[in-house]
Amino acid sequence: MTWYSMYSLPILYGMAFMVYIAAAGILWLVHRLGREELLLPVGAMDYILLLTISQYMASKIGAYVGPLVVPMGVITYSASVSVLDFLTLRYGRGVGYWVVRIAAYLQALVFLINYLVINYPPAQFWESLQAPFAAIMGVSARIAIASITAFIVSETYDVFLVSRLGGGVLRRVGYSDPVTMTIDTLVFIPIAFYGVVPNIWLLMLSQLTVKMSLVPMTMLAVWLNRKALRYAVATLR
């Protein structure tokens, strides 16, 4: 057992914390600099970038604790939910829906371009490097379809819940995100890994366990940007 595997749990949450802080930090900085007009485009780019990274990270299955395993894309996907929550709370349900739809289109475009580039006939002297390039840049069709389908369903529902629930920001996020992440897991795992990964129920349980444990980080990321939202600080108590 290597030192890395021994400390896999703190490393996992350390990685997640850095991703969450980076995702929330760019929004905090834009607001701090008084560039309110940039919050929507920067937030949308932040969200789309995290989703794109999630497609590639989803194929990496990492150890968690004991028999539990988890696709590493959980980290960036969960962070993307915090950004979507922020955009929905700031700009409303209609904007949240449009951000999800545009992101779905762009994720499909990323997969299509990758597929065409990887399968384009290479120059003869380059053929030996084709396989490594495909391994680095390729996203399997199953994972791409699973990722796009899962986040359209789950994050559309997230926008609906966040915009309809009453109360402060933390209450909205705390109630909506566990539901959203459960739906994402129930859709994504069977489409992406059924028949490929043994004991798929264990994989689903592992992903749900990690996602639920990351909900406090999602709440923290949104709370850090509370002053940029349209709610009084008093409602966050």
Protein backbone atom coordinates (compact mmCIF):
# COMPACT_ATOMS: atom_id res chain seq x y z
CA MET A 1 0.00 0.00 0.00
CA THR A 2 1.49 3.34 -1.04
CA TRP A 3 1.30 6.55 1.02
CA TYR A 4 -1.11 7.90 -1.59
CA SER A 5 -3.61 5.08 -1.11
CA MET A 6 -3.25 5.27 2.68
CA TYR A 7 -4.33 8.90 2.64
CA SER A 8 -6.85 8.62 -0.20
CA LEU A 9 -9.71 10.04 1.86
CA PRO A 10 -8.04 13.31 2.98
CA ILE A 11 -6.56 13.69 -0.51
CA LEU A 12 -10.02 13.30 -2.06
CA TYR A 13 -11.57 15.94 0.18
CA GLY A 14 -8.54 18.18 -0.18
CA MET A 15 -8.96 18.06 -3.96
CA ALA A 16 -12.68 18.73 -3.63
CA PHE A 17 -12.08 21.70 -1.32
CA MET A 18 -9.62 23.26 -3.76
CA VAL A 19 -12.04 22.83 -6.68
CA TYR A 20 -14.93 24.34 -4.71
CA ILE A 21 -12.88 27.31 -3.53
CA ALA A 22 -11.58 27.93 -7.05
CA ALA A 23 -15.11 27.76 -8.50
CA ALA A 24 -16.55 30.08 -5.85
CA GLY A 25 -13.46 32.28 -5.73
CA ILE A 26 -13.71 33.52 -9.31
CA LEU A 27 -17.30 34.66 -8.68
CA TRP A 28 -16.30 36.28 -5.40
CA LEU A 29 -13.45 38.14 -7.13
CA VAL A 30 -15.68 39.42 -9.94
CA HIS A 31 -18.19 40.74 -7.39
CA ARG A 32 -15.42 42.18 -5.20
CA LEU A 33 -14.05 44.11 -8.17
CA GLY A 34 -17.50 45.57 -8.80
CA ARG A 35 -17.94 43.94 -12.21
CA GLU A 36 -21.50 42.77 -11.68
CA GLU A 37 -22.15 42.63 -15.42
CA LEU A 38 -19.57 39.85 -15.69
CA LEU A 39 -21.05 37.57 -13.04
CA LEU A 40 -23.40 35.78 -15.45
CA PRO A 41 -20.91 35.08 -18.29
CA VAL A 42 -18.10 34.19 -15.87
CA GLY A 43 -20.43 31.96 -13.84
CA ALA A 44 -21.69 30.22 -16.99
CA MET A 45 -18.11 29.60 -18.19
CA ASP A 46 -17.17 28.34 -14.72
CA TYR A 47 -20.10 25.91 -14.80
CA ILE A 48 -19.42 24.65 -18.32
CA LEU A 49 -15.71 24.17 -17.63
CA LEU A 50 -16.43 22.04 -14.55
CA LEU A 51 -18.91 19.90 -16.49
CA THR A 52 -16.45 19.38 -19.34
CA ILE A 53 -13.71 18.29 -16.94
CA SER A 54 -16.22 15.93 -15.30
CA GLN A 55 -16.69 14.05 -18.58
CA TYR A 56 -13.00 13.17 -18.70
CA MET A 57 -12.63 12.49 -14.97
CA ALA A 58 -15.67 10.18 -14.92
CA SER A 59 -13.69 7.36 -16.52
CA LYS A 60 -11.19 7.37 -13.64
CA ILE A 61 -12.45 5.08 -10.86
CA GLY A 62 -10.68 5.86 -7.61
CA ALA A 63 -10.60 4.07 -4.28
CA TYR A 64 -12.52 5.68 -1.44
CA VAL A 65 -12.70 3.76 1.84
CA GLY A 66 -12.49 -0.01 2.00
CA PRO A 67 -14.60 -1.51 -0.80
CA LEU A 68 -16.18 1.80 -1.81
CA VAL A 69 -15.09 3.26 -5.16
CA VAL A 70 -16.10 6.43 -6.94
CA PRO A 71 -15.74 8.07 -10.39
CA MET A 72 -13.42 11.04 -9.84
CA GLY A 73 -15.72 13.25 -11.90
CA VAL A 74 -17.88 13.50 -8.77
CA ILE A 75 -15.60 16.27 -7.49
CA THR A 76 -15.97 18.66 -10.41
CA TYR A 77 -19.61 17.74 -11.02
CA SER A 78 -20.56 18.52 -7.41
CA ALA A 79 -18.70 21.83 -7.62
CA SER A 80 -20.61 22.67 -10.80
CA VAL A 81 -23.88 22.31 -8.86
CA SER A 82 -22.78 25.07 -6.49
CA VAL A 83 -22.17 27.38 -9.45
CA LEU A 84 -25.56 26.56 -10.94
CA ASP A 85 -27.20 27.22 -7.57
CA PHE A 86 -25.52 30.62 -7.46
CA LEU A 87 -26.66 31.53 -10.98
CA THR A 88 -30.23 30.42 -10.28
CA LEU A 89 -30.42 32.32 -6.99
CA ARG A 90 -28.93 35.42 -8.57
CA TYR A 91 -30.73 35.51 -11.93
CA GLY A 92 -33.79 33.30 -11.53
CA ARG A 93 -35.19 30.04 -12.83
CA GLY A 94 -35.31 31.04 -16.50
CA VAL A 95 -31.60 31.82 -16.64
CA GLY A 96 -30.81 28.60 -14.77
CA TYR A 97 -32.72 26.55 -17.34
CA TRP A 98 -30.94 28.26 -20.23
CA VAL A 99 -27.51 27.71 -18.66
CA VAL A 100 -28.26 23.97 -18.36
CA ARG A 101 -29.49 23.76 -21.98
CA ILE A 102 -26.48 25.61 -23.39
CA ALA A 103 -24.13 23.47 -21.30
CA ALA A 104 -25.79 20.30 -22.64
CA TYR A 105 -25.29 21.46 -26.21
CA LEU A 106 -21.64 22.33 -25.58
CA GLN A 107 -20.94 18.99 -23.85
CA ALA A 108 -22.34 17.16 -26.88
CA LEU A 109 -20.20 19.36 -29.13
CA VAL A 110 -17.07 18.55 -27.09
CA PHE A 111 -17.70 14.82 -27.49
CA LEU A 112 -18.44 15.13 -31.22
CA ILE A 113 -15.28 17.13 -31.94
CA ASN A 114 -13.17 14.71 -29.89
CA TYR A 115 -14.66 11.75 -31.74
CA LEU A 116 -14.02 13.26 -35.17
CA VAL A 117 -10.46 14.32 -34.33
CA ILE A 118 -9.51 10.97 -32.80
CA ASN A 119 -10.89 9.03 -35.78
CA TYR A 120 -9.50 11.36 -38.44
CA PRO A 121 -6.83 9.45 -40.45
CA PRO A 122 -3.41 10.47 -39.05
CA ALA A 123 -0.27 11.05 -41.08
CA GLN A 124 1.70 7.82 -41.54
CA PHE A 125 4.59 8.89 -39.30
CA TRP A 126 2.07 9.86 -36.58
CA GLU A 127 0.16 6.56 -36.44
CA SER A 128 2.19 5.22 -33.53
CA LEU A 129 1.02 8.14 -31.40
CA GLN A 130 -2.65 7.78 -32.29
CA ALA A 131 -3.49 5.39 -29.46
CA PRO A 132 -1.91 7.51 -26.68
CA PHE A 133 -3.69 10.60 -28.04
CA ALA A 134 -7.01 8.76 -28.03
CA ALA A 135 -6.39 7.57 -24.48
CA ILE A 136 -5.70 11.12 -23.30
CA MET A 137 -8.41 12.99 -25.21
CA GLY A 138 -11.07 10.34 -25.70
CA VAL A 139 -14.35 10.23 -23.85
CA SER A 140 -16.33 7.04 -24.41
CA ALA A 141 -19.72 7.42 -26.03
CA ARG A 142 -21.39 5.77 -23.04
CA ILE A 143 -19.85 8.16 -20.55
CA ALA A 144 -20.62 11.14 -22.74
CA ILE A 145 -24.26 10.09 -23.18
CA ALA A 146 -24.58 9.23 -19.49
CA SER A 147 -23.04 12.51 -18.40
CA ILE A 148 -25.18 14.69 -20.66
CA THR A 149 -28.40 12.80 -19.88
CA ALA A 150 -27.80 12.78 -16.12
CA PHE A 151 -26.97 16.41 -15.76
CA ILE A 152 -29.84 17.58 -17.99
CA VAL A 153 -32.32 15.67 -15.83
CA SER A 154 -30.77 16.36 -12.43
CA GLU A 155 -29.73 19.97 -12.89
CA THR A 156 -32.99 21.00 -14.52
CA TYR A 157 -34.63 19.71 -11.37
CA ASP A 158 -32.02 21.50 -9.25
CA VAL A 159 -32.93 24.82 -10.89
CA PHE A 160 -36.60 24.11 -10.22
CA LEU A 161 -36.06 23.25 -6.56
CA VAL A 162 -33.68 26.12 -5.77
CA SER A 163 -36.02 28.64 -7.36
CA ARG A 164 -39.20 27.27 -5.74
CA LEU A 165 -38.08 26.55 -2.19
CA GLY A 166 -38.59 29.26 0.37
CA GLY A 167 -36.21 30.54 3.00
CA GLY A 168 -32.59 31.59 2.88
CA VAL A 169 -29.86 30.59 0.50
CA LEU A 170 -28.37 27.84 2.65
CA ARG A 171 -31.76 26.23 3.24
CA ARG A 172 -32.49 26.17 -0.49
CA VAL A 173 -29.12 24.65 -1.35
CA GLY A 174 -29.18 22.23 1.59
CA TYR A 175 -32.55 20.81 0.54
CA SER A 176 -32.13 20.80 -3.23
CA ASP A 177 -28.60 19.47 -3.69
CA PRO A 178 -29.04 16.02 -2.05
CA VAL A 179 -32.07 15.42 -4.28
CA THR A 180 -30.20 16.65 -7.37
CA MET A 181 -27.14 14.51 -6.68
CA THR A 182 -29.24 11.42 -6.02
CA ILE A 183 -31.02 11.81 -9.36
CA ASP A 184 -27.69 12.33 -11.14
CA THR A 185 -26.26 9.12 -9.67
CA LEU A 186 -29.35 7.02 -10.44
CA VAL A 187 -29.23 8.15 -14.09
CA PHE A 188 -25.46 8.37 -14.72
CA ILE A 189 -24.08 5.14 -13.22
CA PRO A 190 -26.34 2.60 -15.01
CA ILE A 191 -25.92 4.28 -18.41
CA ALA A 192 -22.14 4.71 -18.09
CA PHE A 193 -21.04 1.54 -16.34
CA TYR A 194 -23.72 -1.18 -16.49
CA GLY A 195 -22.12 -4.39 -17.78
CA VAL A 196 -18.65 -2.84 -17.58
CA VAL A 197 -18.03 -2.32 -13.87
CA PRO A 198 -18.79 -5.26 -11.53
CA ASN A 199 -21.15 -4.69 -8.61
CA ILE A 200 -22.70 -1.53 -10.01
CA TRP A 201 -24.81 -1.05 -6.87
CA LEU A 202 -21.63 -0.61 -4.84
CA LEU A 203 -20.48 2.04 -7.30
CA MET A 204 -23.81 3.87 -6.96
CA LEU A 205 -23.64 3.69 -3.16
CA SER A 206 -20.06 4.97 -3.23
CA GLN A 207 -20.90 7.92 -5.47
CA LEU A 208 -23.94 8.85 -3.40
CA THR A 209 -21.89 8.68 -0.19
CA VAL A 210 -19.25 11.03 -1.56
CA LYS A 211 -21.78 13.42 -3.10
CA MET A 212 -23.79 13.72 0.11
CA SER A 213 -20.62 14.34 2.10
CA LEU A 214 -19.76 17.20 -0.30
CA VAL A 215 -23.08 19.03 0.21
CA PRO A 216 -21.60 21.16 3.05
CA MET A 217 -18.89 22.34 0.63
CA THR A 218 -21.60 23.28 -1.88
CA MET A 219 -23.36 25.27 0.81
CA LEU A 220 -20.07 26.92 1.77
CA ALA A 221 -19.33 27.88 -1.84
CA VAL A 222 -22.73 29.56 -2.20
CA TRP A 223 -22.45 31.21 1.23
CA LEU A 224 -19.10 32.74 0.32
CA ASN A 225 -20.90 34.61 -2.46
CA ARG A 226 -23.93 35.59 -0.36
CA LYS A 227 -23.29 39.31 -0.84
CA ALA A 228 -23.59 38.92 -4.60
CA LEU A 229 -27.02 37.34 -4.23
CA ARG A 230 -30.34 39.13 -3.97
CA TYR A 231 -30.99 38.04 -0.43
CA ALA A 232 -30.24 39.88 2.81
CA VAL A 233 -27.51 38.41 4.99
CA ALA A 234 -30.12 38.01 7.73
CA THR A 235 -31.93 35.34 5.70
CA LEU A 236 -28.80 33.17 5.74
CA ARG A 237 -28.87 32.60 9.49
